[in-house]
Amino acid sequence: MRQAHDVAWGIDVAVKRIRLAIRRRFRAVLQDVLAAMGAAPEREWRAIELATLLRLDRSDLTGELIRWAKRKILIEAGPATWTDRRGPPRPPPAPPQHRVVNTVLYFSG
């Protein structure tokens, strides 16, 4: 007969395995969220919009969005809105402006 300690240990191991599986799942979800945000980087996203787009449970995704904001992966832009911390793409730098200077050389002689 199994003792209570063995059963508790077995439950702890099962819970740890489940948590690890969930973390792995949400790593893949993070890539999907960043890709969705990258499609329109200038806007702020609500959890319900991302959950609908990615077909996820809103409450689970909201918890992850909060965790990612705490880890500085995302920025919490306002109440229940997030943006990608990388922001919108920056335009390439402008080419340097060259001025044409007309010079006249005088020789005395």
PDB file of N, CA and C in Angstrom:
ATOM      1  N   MET A   1       0.832  -1.176   0.000  1.00  0.00           N
ATOM      2  CA  MET A   1       0.000   0.000   0.000  1.00  0.00           C
ATOM      3  C   MET A   1       0.884   1.249   0.000  1.00  0.00           C
ATOM      4  N   ARG A   2       0.457   2.214  -0.809  1.00  0.00           N
ATOM      5  CA  ARG A   2       1.255   3.443  -0.926  1.00  0.00           C
ATOM      6  C   ARG A   2       0.993   4.348   0.267  1.00  0.00           C
ATOM      7  N   GLN A   3       2.035   5.023   0.655  1.00  0.00           N
ATOM      8  CA  GLN A   3       1.880   5.953   1.766  1.00  0.00           C
ATOM      9  C   GLN A   3       1.475   7.325   1.239  1.00  0.00           C
ATOM     10  N   ALA A   4       0.948   8.129   2.128  1.00  0.00           N
ATOM     11  CA  ALA A   4       0.480   9.468   1.752  1.00  0.00           C
ATOM     12  C   ALA A   4       1.620  10.302   1.176  1.00  0.00           C
ATOM     13  N   HIS A   5       2.821  10.139   1.697  1.00  0.00           N
ATOM     14  CA  HIS A   5       3.973  10.906   1.208  1.00  0.00           C
ATOM     15  C   HIS A   5       4.257  10.579  -0.256  1.00  0.00           C
ATOM     16  N   ASP A   6       4.201   9.309  -0.608  1.00  0.00           N
ATOM     17  CA  ASP A   6       4.443   8.903  -2.001  1.00  0.00           C
ATOM     18  C   ASP A   6       3.380   9.466  -2.939  1.00  0.00           C
ATOM     19  N   VAL A   7       2.144   9.457  -2.492  1.00  0.00           N
ATOM     20  CA  VAL A   7       1.057   9.988  -3.308  1.00  0.00           C
ATOM     21  C   VAL A   7       1.243  11.491  -3.498  1.00  0.00           C
ATOM     22  N   ALA A   8       1.570  12.198  -2.429  1.00  0.00           N
ATOM     23  CA  ALA A   8       1.783  13.650  -2.520  1.00  0.00           C
ATOM     24  C   ALA A   8       2.946  13.950  -3.446  1.00  0.00           C
ATOM     25  N   TRP A   9       4.020  13.172  -3.348  1.00  0.00           N
ATOM     26  CA  TRP A   9       5.173  13.374  -4.220  1.00  0.00           C
ATOM     27  C   TRP A   9       4.782  13.152  -5.681  1.00  0.00           C
ATOM     28  N   GLY A  10       3.990  12.120  -5.941  1.00  0.00           N
ATOM     29  CA  GLY A  10       3.527  11.841  -7.294  1.00  0.00           C
ATOM     30  C   GLY A  10       2.661  12.962  -7.845  1.00  0.00           C
ATOM     31  N   ILE A  11       1.843  13.540  -6.999  1.00  0.00           N
ATOM     32  CA  ILE A  11       1.007  14.666  -7.430  1.00  0.00           C
ATOM     33  C   ILE A  11       1.877  15.875  -7.731  1.00  0.00           C
ATOM     34  N   ASP A  12       2.884  16.131  -6.884  1.00  0.00           N
ATOM     35  CA  ASP A  12       3.799  17.256  -7.121  1.00  0.00           C
ATOM     36  C   ASP A  12       4.505  17.120  -8.465  1.00  0.00           C
ATOM     37  N   VAL A  13       4.948  15.922  -8.769  1.00  0.00           N
ATOM     38  CA  VAL A  13       5.631  15.683 -10.044  1.00  0.00           C
ATOM     39  C   VAL A  13       4.672  15.917 -11.207  1.00  0.00           C
ATOM     40  N   ALA A  14       3.455  15.444 -11.077  1.00  0.00           N
ATOM     41  CA  ALA A  14       2.459  15.633 -12.142  1.00  0.00           C
ATOM     42  C   ALA A  14       2.154  17.116 -12.341  1.00  0.00           C
ATOM     43  N   VAL A  15       2.017  17.852 -11.258  1.00  0.00           N
ATOM     44  CA  VAL A  15       1.743  19.290 -11.359  1.00  0.00           C
ATOM     45  C   VAL A  15       2.912  19.996 -12.032  1.00  0.00           C
ATOM     46  N   LYS A  16       4.133  19.650 -11.678  1.00  0.00           N
ATOM     47  CA  LYS A  16       5.312  20.273 -12.304  1.00  0.00           C
ATOM     48  C   LYS A  16       5.358  19.977 -13.798  1.00  0.00           C
ATOM     49  N   ARG A  17       5.008  18.762 -14.180  1.00  0.00           N
ATOM     50  CA  ARG A  17       4.990  18.403 -15.601  1.00  0.00           C
ATOM     51  C   ARG A  17       3.924  19.199 -16.360  1.00  0.00           C
ATOM     52  N   ILE A  18       2.778  19.358 -15.736  1.00  0.00           N
ATOM     53  CA  ILE A  18       1.701  20.138 -16.369  1.00  0.00           C
ATOM     54  C   ILE A  18       2.130  21.589 -16.528  1.00  0.00           C
ATOM     55  N   ARG A  19       2.718  22.175 -15.484  1.00  0.00           N
ATOM     56  CA  ARG A  19       3.186  23.564 -15.570  1.00  0.00           C
ATOM     57  C   ARG A  19       4.241  23.731 -16.657  1.00  0.00           C
ATOM     58  N   LEU A  20       5.142  22.769 -16.771  1.00  0.00           N
ATOM     59  CA  LEU A  20       6.165  22.830 -17.813  1.00  0.00           C
ATOM     60  C   LEU A  20       5.534  22.771 -19.200  1.00  0.00           C
ATOM     61  N   ALA A  21       4.539  21.917 -19.374  1.00  0.00           N
ATOM     62  CA  ALA A  21       3.849  21.818 -20.663  1.00  0.00           C
ATOM     63  C   ALA A  21       3.136  23.127 -20.998  1.00  0.00           C
ATOM     64  N   ILE A  22       2.536  23.743 -19.984  1.00  0.00           N
ATOM     65  CA  ILE A  22       1.846  25.020 -20.208  1.00  0.00           C
ATOM     66  C   ILE A  22       2.860  26.092 -20.598  1.00  0.00           C
ATOM     67  N   ARG A  23       4.007  26.138 -19.916  1.00  0.00           N
ATOM     68  CA  ARG A  23       5.035  27.129 -20.261  1.00  0.00           C
ATOM     69  C   ARG A  23       5.518  26.942 -21.691  1.00  0.00           C
ATOM     70  N   ARG A  24       5.721  25.694 -22.084  1.00  0.00           N
ATOM     71  CA  ARG A  24       6.149  25.433 -23.470  1.00  0.00           C
ATOM     72  C   ARG A  24       5.090  25.895 -24.457  1.00  0.00           C
ATOM     73  N   ARG A  25       3.838  25.645 -24.122  1.00  0.00           N
ATOM     74  CA  ARG A  25       2.729  26.062 -24.996  1.00  0.00           C
ATOM     75  C   ARG A  25       2.713  27.582 -25.140  1.00  0.00           C
ATOM     76  N   PHE A  26       2.898  28.296 -24.040  1.00  0.00           N
ATOM     77  CA  PHE A  26       2.826  29.750 -24.101  1.00  0.00           C
ATOM     78  C   PHE A  26       4.087  30.373 -24.698  1.00  0.00           C
ATOM     79  N   ARG A  27       5.189  29.648 -24.765  1.00  0.00           N
ATOM     80  CA  ARG A  27       6.340  30.156 -25.529  1.00  0.00           C
ATOM     81  C   ARG A  27       5.976  30.227 -27.003  1.00  0.00           C
ATOM     82  N   ALA A  28       5.291  29.220 -27.489  1.00  0.00           N
ATOM     83  CA  ALA A  28       4.826  29.230 -28.880  1.00  0.00           C
ATOM     84  C   ALA A  28       3.781  30.323 -29.072  1.00  0.00           C
ATOM     85  N   VAL A  29       2.915  30.518 -28.075  1.00  0.00           N
ATOM     86  CA  VAL A  29       1.901  31.569 -28.162  1.00  0.00           C
ATOM     87  C   VAL A  29       2.567  32.934 -28.197  1.00  0.00           C
ATOM     88  N   LEU A  30       3.643  33.121 -27.436  1.00  0.00           N
ATOM     89  CA  LEU A  30       4.357  34.402 -27.454  1.00  0.00           C
ATOM     90  C   LEU A  30       4.829  34.736 -28.864  1.00  0.00           C
ATOM     91  N   GLN A  31       5.354  33.753 -29.567  1.00  0.00           N
ATOM     92  CA  GLN A  31       5.800  34.000 -30.939  1.00  0.00           C
ATOM     93  C   GLN A  31       4.617  34.416 -31.819  1.00  0.00           C
ATOM     94  N   ASP A  32       3.467  33.781 -31.609  1.00  0.00           N
ATOM     95  CA  ASP A  32       2.268  34.143 -32.375  1.00  0.00           C
ATOM     96  C   ASP A  32       1.790  35.552 -32.030  1.00  0.00           C
ATOM     97  N   VAL A  33       1.837  35.898 -30.738  1.00  0.00           N
ATOM     98  CA  VAL A  33       1.417  37.234 -30.303  1.00  0.00           C
ATOM     99  C   VAL A  33       2.339  38.295 -30.900  1.00  0.00           C
ATOM    100  N   LEU A  34       3.653  38.064 -30.841  1.00  0.00           N
ATOM    101  CA  LEU A  34       4.599  39.032 -31.408  1.00  0.00           C
ATOM    102  C   LEU A  34       4.427  39.165 -32.918  1.00  0.00           C
ATOM    103  N   ALA A  35       4.113  38.065 -33.589  1.00  0.00           N
ATOM    104  CA  ALA A  35       3.874  38.132 -35.034  1.00  0.00           C
ATOM    105  C   ALA A  35       2.611  38.934 -35.336  1.00  0.00           C
ATOM    106  N   ALA A  36       1.562  38.722 -34.546  1.00  0.00           N
ATOM    107  CA  ALA A  36       0.320  39.480 -34.745  1.00  0.00           C
ATOM    108  C   ALA A  36       0.550  40.961 -34.485  1.00  0.00           C
ATOM    109  N   MET A  37       1.273  41.267 -33.417  1.00  0.00           N
ATOM    110  CA  MET A  37       1.563  42.671 -33.112  1.00  0.00           C
ATOM    111  C   MET A  37       2.476  43.298 -34.164  1.00  0.00           C
ATOM    112  N   GLY A  38       3.351  42.495 -34.740  1.00  0.00           N
ATOM    113  CA  GLY A  38       4.247  43.000 -35.778  1.00  0.00           C
ATOM    114  C   GLY A  38       3.519  43.361 -37.055  1.00  0.00           C
ATOM    115  N   ALA A  39       2.327  42.796 -37.265  1.00  0.00           N
ATOM    116  CA  ALA A  39       1.546  43.120 -38.460  1.00  0.00           C
ATOM    117  C   ALA A  39       1.042  44.555 -38.425  1.00  0.00           C
ATOM    118  N   ALA A  40       0.810  45.079 -37.224  1.00  0.00           N
ATOM    119  CA  ALA A  40       0.380  46.479 -37.055  1.00  0.00           C
ATOM    120  C   ALA A  40       1.088  47.036 -35.817  1.00  0.00           C
ATOM    121  N   PRO A  41       2.390  47.280 -35.915  1.00  0.00           N
ATOM    122  CA  PRO A  41       3.171  47.644 -34.723  1.00  0.00           C
ATOM    123  C   PRO A  41       2.826  48.988 -34.106  1.00  0.00           C
ATOM    124  N   GLU A  42       2.139  49.841 -34.848  1.00  0.00           N
ATOM    125  CA  GLU A  42       1.830  51.169 -34.321  1.00  0.00           C
ATOM    126  C   GLU A  42       0.607  51.179 -33.399  1.00  0.00           C
ATOM    127  N   ARG A  43      -0.157  50.098 -33.386  1.00  0.00           N
ATOM    128  CA  ARG A  43      -1.396  50.083 -32.599  1.00  0.00           C
ATOM    129  C   ARG A  43      -1.222  49.399 -31.262  1.00  0.00           C
ATOM    130  N   GLU A  44      -2.172  49.667 -30.390  1.00  0.00           N
ATOM    131  CA  GLU A  44      -2.233  49.004 -29.096  1.00  0.00           C
ATOM    132  C   GLU A  44      -3.249  47.871 -29.197  1.00  0.00           C
ATOM    133  N   TRP A  45      -2.908  46.732 -28.624  1.00  0.00           N
ATOM    134  CA  TRP A  45      -3.739  45.535 -28.744  1.00  0.00           C
ATOM    135  C   TRP A  45      -4.402  45.225 -27.422  1.00  0.00           C
ATOM    136  N   ARG A  46      -5.671  44.855 -27.488  1.00  0.00           N
ATOM    137  CA  ARG A  46      -6.404  44.393 -26.311  1.00  0.00           C
ATOM    138  C   ARG A  46      -6.331  42.868 -26.271  1.00  0.00           C
ATOM    139  N   ALA A  47      -6.422  42.315 -25.075  1.00  0.00           N
ATOM    140  CA  ALA A  47      -6.335  40.863 -24.911  1.00  0.00           C
ATOM    141  C   ALA A  47      -7.427  40.145 -25.689  1.00  0.00           C
ATOM    142  N   ILE A  48      -8.626  40.702 -25.718  1.00  0.00           N
ATOM    143  CA  ILE A  48      -9.735  40.048 -26.423  1.00  0.00           C
ATOM    144  C   ILE A  48      -9.463  39.982 -27.920  1.00  0.00           C
ATOM    145  N   GLU A  49      -8.820  41.013 -28.467  1.00  0.00           N
ATOM    146  CA  GLU A  49      -8.495  41.013 -29.902  1.00  0.00           C
ATOM    147  C   GLU A  49      -7.469  39.926 -30.221  1.00  0.00           C
ATOM    148  N   LEU A  50      -6.419  39.851 -29.390  1.00  0.00           N
ATOM    149  CA  LEU A  50      -5.391  38.830 -29.618  1.00  0.00           C
ATOM    150  C   LEU A  50      -5.954  37.429 -29.400  1.00  0.00           C
ATOM    151  N   ALA A  51      -6.774  37.264 -28.371  1.00  0.00           N
ATOM    152  CA  ALA A  51      -7.356  35.949 -28.089  1.00  0.00           C
ATOM    153  C   ALA A  51      -8.260  35.502 -29.226  1.00  0.00           C
ATOM    154  N   THR A  52      -9.039  36.429 -29.757  1.00  0.00           N
ATOM    155  CA  THR A  52      -9.919  36.085 -30.875  1.00  0.00           C
ATOM    156  C   THR A  52      -9.102  35.736 -32.114  1.00  0.00           C
ATOM    157  N   LEU A  53      -8.096  36.546 -32.387  1.00  0.00           N
ATOM    158  CA  LEU A  53      -7.254  36.328 -33.560  1.00  0.00           C
ATOM    159  C   LEU A  53      -6.519  34.989 -33.487  1.00  0.00           C
ATOM    160  N   LEU A  54      -6.009  34.649 -32.308  1.00  0.00           N
ATOM    161  CA  LEU A  54      -5.208  33.430 -32.147  1.00  0.00           C
ATOM    162  C   LEU A  54      -6.023  32.241 -31.638  1.00  0.00           C
ATOM    163  N   ARG A  55      -7.335  32.447 -31.441  1.00  0.00           N
ATOM    164  CA  ARG A  55      -8.238  31.394 -30.971  1.00  0.00           C
ATOM    165  C   ARG A  55      -7.783  30.801 -29.638  1.00  0.00           C
ATOM    166  N   LEU A  56      -7.583  31.711 -28.674  1.00  0.00           N
ATOM    167  CA  LEU A  56      -7.160  31.314 -27.337  1.00  0.00           C
ATOM    168  C   LEU A  56      -8.180  31.795 -26.318  1.00  0.00           C
ATOM    169  N   ASP A  57      -8.091  31.249 -25.111  1.00  0.00           N
ATOM    170  CA  ASP A  57      -8.936  31.706 -24.026  1.00  0.00           C
ATOM    171  C   ASP A  57      -8.438  33.071 -23.562  1.00  0.00           C
ATOM    172  N   ARG A  58      -9.342  34.043 -23.473  1.00  0.00           N
ATOM    173  CA  ARG A  58      -8.960  35.414 -23.144  1.00  0.00           C
ATOM    174  C   ARG A  58      -8.319  35.520 -21.766  1.00  0.00           C
ATOM    175  N   SER A  59      -8.882  34.850 -20.771  1.00  0.00           N
ATOM    176  CA  SER A  59      -8.346  34.980 -19.412  1.00  0.00           C
ATOM    177  C   SER A  59      -6.947  34.369 -19.312  1.00  0.00           C
ATOM    178  N   ASP A  60      -6.709  33.233 -19.967  1.00  0.00           N
ATOM    179  CA  ASP A  60      -5.371  32.638 -19.959  1.00  0.00           C
ATOM    180  C   ASP A  60      -4.376  33.561 -20.653  1.00  0.00           C
ATOM    181  N   LEU A  61      -4.781  34.102 -21.794  1.00  0.00           N
ATOM    182  CA  LEU A  61      -3.887  34.985 -22.536  1.00  0.00           C
ATOM    183  C   LEU A  61      -3.612  36.264 -21.754  1.00  0.00           C
ATOM    184  N   THR A  62      -4.620  36.799 -21.077  1.00  0.00           N
ATOM    185  CA  THR A  62      -4.422  38.021 -20.288  1.00  0.00           C
ATOM    186  C   THR A  62      -3.372  37.802 -19.210  1.00  0.00           C
ATOM    187  N   GLY A  63      -3.434  36.665 -18.543  1.00  0.00           N
ATOM    188  CA  GLY A  63      -2.427  36.344 -17.526  1.00  0.00           C
ATOM    189  C   GLY A  63      -1.028  36.303 -18.117  1.00  0.00           C
ATOM    190  N   GLU A  64      -0.902  35.707 -19.283  1.00  0.00           N
ATOM    191  CA  GLU A  64       0.403  35.643 -19.932  1.00  0.00           C
ATOM    192  C   GLU A  64       0.867  37.023 -20.394  1.00  0.00           C
ATOM    193  N   LEU A  65      -0.049  37.833 -20.922  1.00  0.00           N
ATOM    194  CA  LEU A  65       0.318  39.188 -21.348  1.00  0.00           C
ATOM    195  C   LEU A  65       0.854  39.988 -20.163  1.00  0.00           C
ATOM    196  N   ILE A  66       0.233  39.840 -19.015  1.00  0.00           N
ATOM    197  CA  ILE A  66       0.709  40.534 -17.810  1.00  0.00           C
ATOM    198  C   ILE A  66       2.100  40.038 -17.430  1.00  0.00           C
ATOM    199  N   ARG A  67       2.314  38.731 -17.474  1.00  0.00           N
ATOM    200  CA  ARG A  67       3.643  38.179 -17.149  1.00  0.00           C
ATOM    201  C   ARG A  67       4.703  38.676 -18.130  1.00  0.00           C
ATOM    202  N   TRP A  68       4.352  38.689 -19.422  1.00  0.00           N
ATOM    203  CA  TRP A  68       5.313  39.152 -20.423  1.00  0.00           C
ATOM    204  C   TRP A  68       5.614  40.637 -20.265  1.00  0.00           C
ATOM    205  N   ALA A  69       4.626  41.412 -19.843  1.00  0.00           N
ATOM    206  CA  ALA A  69       4.869  42.836 -19.593  1.00  0.00           C
ATOM    207  C   ALA A  69       5.801  43.007 -18.391  1.00  0.00           C
ATOM    208  N   LYS A  70       5.631  42.191 -17.355  1.00  0.00           N
ATOM    209  CA  LYS A  70       6.519  42.262 -16.192  1.00  0.00           C
ATOM    210  C   LYS A  70       7.940  41.869 -16.560  1.00  0.00           C
ATOM    211  N   ARG A  71       8.070  40.949 -17.521  1.00  0.00           N
ATOM    212  CA  ARG A  71       9.395  40.521 -17.975  1.00  0.00           C
ATOM    213  C   ARG A  71       9.956  41.434 -19.060  1.00  0.00           C
ATOM    214  N   LYS A  72       9.245  42.505 -19.376  1.00  0.00           N
ATOM    215  CA  LYS A  72       9.663  43.526 -20.346  1.00  0.00           C
ATOM    216  C   LYS A  72       9.725  42.996 -21.780  1.00  0.00           C
ATOM    217  N   ILE A  73       8.938  41.959 -22.059  1.00  0.00           N
ATOM    218  CA  ILE A  73       8.836  41.467 -23.436  1.00  0.00           C
ATOM    219  C   ILE A  73       7.828  42.324 -24.188  1.00  0.00           C
ATOM    220  N   LEU A  74       6.764  42.716 -23.478  1.00  0.00           N
ATOM    221  CA  LEU A  74       5.740  43.603 -24.033  1.00  0.00           C
ATOM    222  C   LEU A  74       5.652  44.843 -23.155  1.00  0.00           C
ATOM    223  N   ILE A  75       4.978  45.853 -23.668  1.00  0.00           N
ATOM    224  CA  ILE A  75       4.735  47.067 -22.890  1.00  0.00           C
ATOM    225  C   ILE A  75       3.237  47.160 -22.628  1.00  0.00           C
ATOM    226  N   GLU A  76       2.870  47.381 -21.376  1.00  0.00           N
ATOM    227  CA  GLU A  76       1.466  47.620 -21.063  1.00  0.00           C
ATOM    228  C   GLU A  76       1.205  49.095 -21.364  1.00  0.00           C
ATOM    229  N   ALA A  77       0.540  49.349 -22.483  1.00  0.00           N
ATOM    230  CA  ALA A  77       0.362  50.708 -22.986  1.00  0.00           C
ATOM    231  C   ALA A  77      -0.731  51.459 -22.248  1.00  0.00           C
ATOM    232  N   GLY A  78      -1.635  50.761 -21.637  1.00  0.00           N
ATOM    233  CA  GLY A  78      -2.746  51.382 -20.928  1.00  0.00           C
ATOM    234  C   GLY A  78      -3.530  50.303 -20.229  1.00  0.00           C
ATOM    235  N   PRO A  79      -4.712  50.656 -19.727  1.00  0.00           N
ATOM    236  CA  PRO A  79      -5.520  49.627 -19.083  1.00  0.00           C
ATOM    237  C   PRO A  79      -5.892  48.513 -20.072  1.00  0.00           C
ATOM    238  N   ALA A  80      -5.403  47.331 -19.816  1.00  0.00           N
ATOM    239  CA  ALA A  80      -5.716  46.142 -20.626  1.00  0.00           C
ATOM    240  C   ALA A  80      -5.310  46.274 -22.087  1.00  0.00           C
ATOM    241  N   THR A  81      -4.285  47.067 -22.379  1.00  0.00           N
ATOM    242  CA  THR A  81      -3.770  47.162 -23.753  1.00  0.00           C
ATOM    243  C   THR A  81      -2.259  46.992 -23.729  1.00  0.00           C
ATOM    244  N   TRP A  82      -1.755  46.330 -24.754  1.00  0.00           N
ATOM    245  CA  TRP A  82      -0.335  46.032 -24.836  1.00  0.00           C
ATOM    246  C   TRP A  82       0.202  46.369 -26.213  1.00  0.00           C
ATOM    247  N   THR A  83       1.498  46.648 -26.256  1.00  0.00           N
ATOM    248  CA  THR A  83       2.193  46.840 -27.524  1.00  0.00           C
ATOM    249  C   THR A  83       3.499  46.067 -27.481  1.00  0.00           C
ATOM    250  N   ASP A  84       4.028  45.842 -28.648  1.00  0.00           N
ATOM    251  CA  ASP A  84       5.330  45.192 -28.760  1.00  0.00           C
ATOM    252  C   ASP A  84       6.384  46.201 -28.339  1.00  0.00           C
ATOM    253  N   ARG A  85       7.313  45.794 -27.485  1.00  0.00           N
ATOM    254  CA  ARG A  85       8.307  46.743 -26.993  1.00  0.00           C
ATOM    255  C   ARG A  85       9.238  47.232 -28.081  1.00  0.00           C
ATOM    256  N   ARG A  86       9.320  46.495 -29.182  1.00  0.00           N
ATOM    257  CA  ARG A  86      10.177  46.929 -30.286  1.00  0.00           C
ATOM    258  C   ARG A  86       9.570  48.113 -31.023  1.00  0.00           C
ATOM    259  N   GLY A  87       8.255  48.307 -30.905  1.00  0.00           N
ATOM    260  CA  GLY A  87       7.598  49.454 -31.512  1.00  0.00           C
ATOM    261  C   GLY A  87       7.513  49.360 -33.024  1.00  0.00           C
ATOM    262  N   PRO A  88       6.987  50.427 -33.645  1.00  0.00           N
ATOM    263  CA  PRO A  88       6.879  50.413 -35.106  1.00  0.00           C
ATOM    264  C   PRO A  88       8.253  50.469 -35.751  1.00  0.00           C
ATOM    265  N   PRO A  89       8.362  49.951 -36.964  1.00  0.00           N
ATOM    266  CA  PRO A  89       9.669  49.986 -37.621  1.00  0.00           C
ATOM    267  C   PRO A  89      10.097  51.430 -37.883  1.00  0.00           C
ATOM    268  N   ARG A  90      11.363  51.668 -37.719  1.00  0.00           N
ATOM    269  CA  ARG A  90      11.891  53.010 -37.960  1.00  0.00           C
ATOM    270  C   ARG A  90      12.265  53.147 -39.428  1.00  0.00           C
ATOM    271  N   PRO A  91      12.011  54.312 -39.996  1.00  0.00           N
ATOM    272  CA  PRO A  91      12.421  54.497 -41.384  1.00  0.00           C
ATOM    273  C   PRO A  91      13.944  54.526 -41.475  1.00  0.00           C
ATOM    274  N   PRO A  92      14.493  54.150 -42.617  1.00  0.00           N
ATOM    275  CA  PRO A  92      15.948  54.190 -42.740  1.00  0.00           C
ATOM    276  C   PRO A  92      16.434  55.630 -42.623  1.00  0.00           C
ATOM    277  N   PRO A  93      17.658  55.809 -42.163  1.00  0.00           N
ATOM    278  CA  PRO A  93      18.160  57.170 -42.021  1.00  0.00           C
ATOM    279  C   PRO A  93      18.241  57.865 -43.381  1.00  0.00           C
ATOM    280  N   ALA A  94      18.018  59.164 -43.351  1.00  0.00           N
ATOM    281  CA  ALA A  94      18.071  59.943 -44.589  1.00  0.00           C
ATOM    282  C   ALA A  94      19.514  60.009 -45.082  1.00  0.00           C
ATOM    283  N   PRO A  95      19.687  59.985 -46.380  1.00  0.00           N
ATOM    284  CA  PRO A  95      21.059  60.097 -46.889  1.00  0.00           C
ATOM    285  C   PRO A  95      21.633  61.471 -46.543  1.00  0.00           C
ATOM    286  N   PRO A  96      22.934  61.555 -46.400  1.00  0.00           N
ATOM    287  CA  PRO A  96      23.528  62.845 -46.054  1.00  0.00           C
ATOM    288  C   PRO A  96      23.284  63.872 -47.156  1.00  0.00           C
ATOM    289  N   GLN A  97      23.078  65.094 -46.752  1.00  0.00           N
ATOM    290  CA  GLN A  97      22.852  66.183 -47.705  1.00  0.00           C
ATOM    291  C   GLN A  97      24.212  66.751 -48.117  1.00  0.00           C
ATOM    292  N   HIS A  98      24.444  66.808 -49.392  1.00  0.00           N
ATOM    293  CA  HIS A  98      25.687  67.387 -49.899  1.00  0.00           C
ATOM    294  C   HIS A  98      25.370  68.749 -50.502  1.00  0.00           C
ATOM    295  N   ARG A  99      26.176  69.697 -50.150  1.00  0.00           N
ATOM    296  CA  ARG A  99      26.009  71.018 -50.736  1.00  0.00           C
ATOM    297  C   ARG A  99      27.090  71.211 -51.789  1.00  0.00           C
ATOM    298  N   VAL A 100      26.665  71.740 -52.878  1.00  0.00           N
ATOM    299  CA  VAL A 100      27.614  72.051 -53.930  1.00  0.00           C
ATOM    300  C   VAL A 100      28.086  73.474 -53.686  1.00  0.00           C
ATOM    301  N   VAL A 101      29.373  73.610 -53.561  1.00  0.00           N
ATOM    302  CA  VAL A 101      29.950  74.923 -53.313  1.00  0.00           C
ATOM    303  C   VAL A 101      30.797  75.284 -54.524  1.00  0.00           C
ATOM    304  N   ASN A 102      30.439  76.394 -55.108  1.00  0.00           N
ATOM    305  CA  ASN A 102      31.240  76.868 -56.239  1.00  0.00           C
ATOM    306  C   ASN A 102      32.388  77.721 -55.713  1.00  0.00           C
ATOM    307  N   THR A 103      33.554  77.342 -56.073  1.00  0.00           N
ATOM    308  CA  THR A 103      34.705  78.107 -55.640  1.00  0.00           C
ATOM    309  C   THR A 103      35.463  78.604 -56.866  1.00  0.00           C
ATOM    310  N   VAL A 104      35.965  79.770 -56.710  1.00  0.00           N
ATOM    311  CA  VAL A 104      36.758  80.359 -57.772  1.00  0.00           C
ATOM    312  C   VAL A 104      38.133  80.634 -57.205  1.00  0.00           C
ATOM    313  N   LEU A 105      39.118  80.144 -57.902  1.00  0.00           N
ATOM    314  CA  LEU A 105      40.481  80.362 -57.452  1.00  0.00           C
ATOM    315  C   LEU A 105      41.099  81.487 -58.283  1.00  0.00           C
ATOM    316  N   TYR A 106      41.686  82.440 -57.637  1.00  0.00           N
ATOM    317  CA  TYR A 106      42.352  83.540 -58.324  1.00  0.00           C
ATOM    318  C   TYR A 106      43.842  83.399 -58.147  1.00  0.00           C
ATOM    319  N   PHE A 107      44.518  83.539 -59.203  1.00  0.00           N
ATOM    320  CA  PHE A 107      45.968  83.499 -59.174  1.00  0.00           C
ATOM    321  C   PHE A 107      46.483  84.909 -59.504  1.00  0.00           C
ATOM    322  N   SER A 108      47.366  85.361 -58.739  1.00  0.00           N
ATOM    323  CA  SER A 108      47.965  86.634 -59.086  1.00  0.00           C
ATOM    324  C   SER A 108      49.359  86.378 -59.635  1.00  0.00           C
ATOM    325  N   GLY A 109      49.694  87.100 -60.590  1.00  0.00           N
ATOM    326  CA  GLY A 109      50.982  86.774 -61.120  1.00  0.00           C
ATOM    327  C   GLY A 109      51.537  87.615 -62.148  1.00  0.00           C
TER     328      GLY A 109
END
